[in-house]
Amino acid sequence: MESQREVINRAGYEVTQSLAYAPHTAWLRAKSGKIVDAIAGISQLEAIANVENVEPQMLMERSLR
């Protein structure tokens, strides 16, 4: 049987962090590293069995001006 991580990888994403306090939750990143790819693939993530919620986060490193 294919793991959730394998299905996520096939959808074009990689797991960047698993959360100890929420074991069925993870931060993902598009393999390409491009925001446009991350947003475009949301429907593929939502179609994965047992995925209940996909919530895009537009987080960036802080930069000093």
Protein backbone atom coordinates (compact mmCIF):
# COMPACT_ATOMS: atom_id res chain seq x y z
CA MET A 1 0.00 0.00 0.00
CA GLU A 2 1.26 3.47 -0.90
CA SER A 3 2.02 5.85 1.98
CA GLN A 4 0.58 9.34 2.26
CA ARG A 5 4.09 10.73 1.84
CA GLU A 6 4.47 8.88 -1.49
CA VAL A 7 1.13 10.22 -2.74
CA ILE A 8 2.11 13.75 -1.67
CA ASN A 9 5.43 13.38 -3.52
CA ARG A 10 3.66 12.16 -6.64
CA ALA A 11 1.38 15.23 -6.48
CA GLY A 12 4.50 17.43 -6.74
CA TYR A 13 5.08 18.29 -3.09
CA GLU A 14 7.49 17.31 -0.33
CA VAL A 15 6.90 17.16 3.41
CA THR A 16 9.10 19.78 5.04
CA GLN A 17 7.95 19.31 8.62
CA SER A 18 5.76 16.88 10.55
CA LEU A 19 4.18 18.24 13.70
CA ALA A 20 4.60 16.26 16.93
CA TYR A 21 1.54 17.88 18.53
CA ALA A 22 -0.61 17.10 15.45
CA PRO A 23 0.67 13.79 14.06
CA HIS A 24 -1.66 13.76 11.03
CA THR A 25 -0.58 17.25 9.96
CA ALA A 26 2.41 18.44 7.96
CA TRP A 27 3.92 21.49 6.31
CA LEU A 28 4.43 20.88 2.58
CA ARG A 29 6.37 22.66 -0.14
CA ALA A 30 6.10 22.34 -3.91
CA LYS A 31 9.10 20.36 -5.17
CA SER A 32 9.87 23.13 -7.65
CA GLY A 33 10.00 25.69 -4.84
CA LYS A 34 7.72 27.99 -6.85
CA ILE A 35 4.66 29.56 -5.24
CA VAL A 36 2.69 29.30 -8.49
CA ASP A 37 3.21 25.50 -8.52
CA ALA A 38 2.24 25.24 -4.86
CA ILE A 39 -1.04 27.05 -5.49
CA ALA A 40 -1.79 25.28 -8.77
CA GLY A 41 -1.50 21.85 -7.12
CA ILE A 42 -3.89 22.47 -4.22
CA SER A 43 -6.70 20.53 -5.92
CA GLN A 44 -4.36 17.52 -6.28
CA LEU A 45 -3.68 17.61 -2.54
CA GLU A 46 -7.38 17.91 -1.75
CA ALA A 47 -8.07 14.83 -3.89
CA ILE A 48 -5.74 12.61 -1.82
CA ALA A 49 -7.63 10.05 0.27
CA ASN A 50 -7.97 11.02 3.95
CA VAL A 51 -6.90 14.64 3.34
CA GLU A 52 -9.45 16.76 5.16
CA ASN A 53 -8.06 20.26 4.85
CA VAL A 54 -5.50 22.05 2.68
CA GLU A 55 -4.70 25.56 3.85
CA PRO A 56 -2.20 27.63 1.87
CA GLN A 57 0.19 29.73 3.94
CA MET A 58 2.11 32.52 2.29
CA LEU A 59 5.03 32.65 4.67
CA MET A 60 8.33 34.26 3.81
CA GLU A 61 11.55 34.89 5.65
CA ARG A 62 11.73 38.25 7.30
CA SER A 63 13.95 40.70 5.46
CA LEU A 64 15.39 43.88 6.88
CA ARG A 65 15.07 47.04 4.82
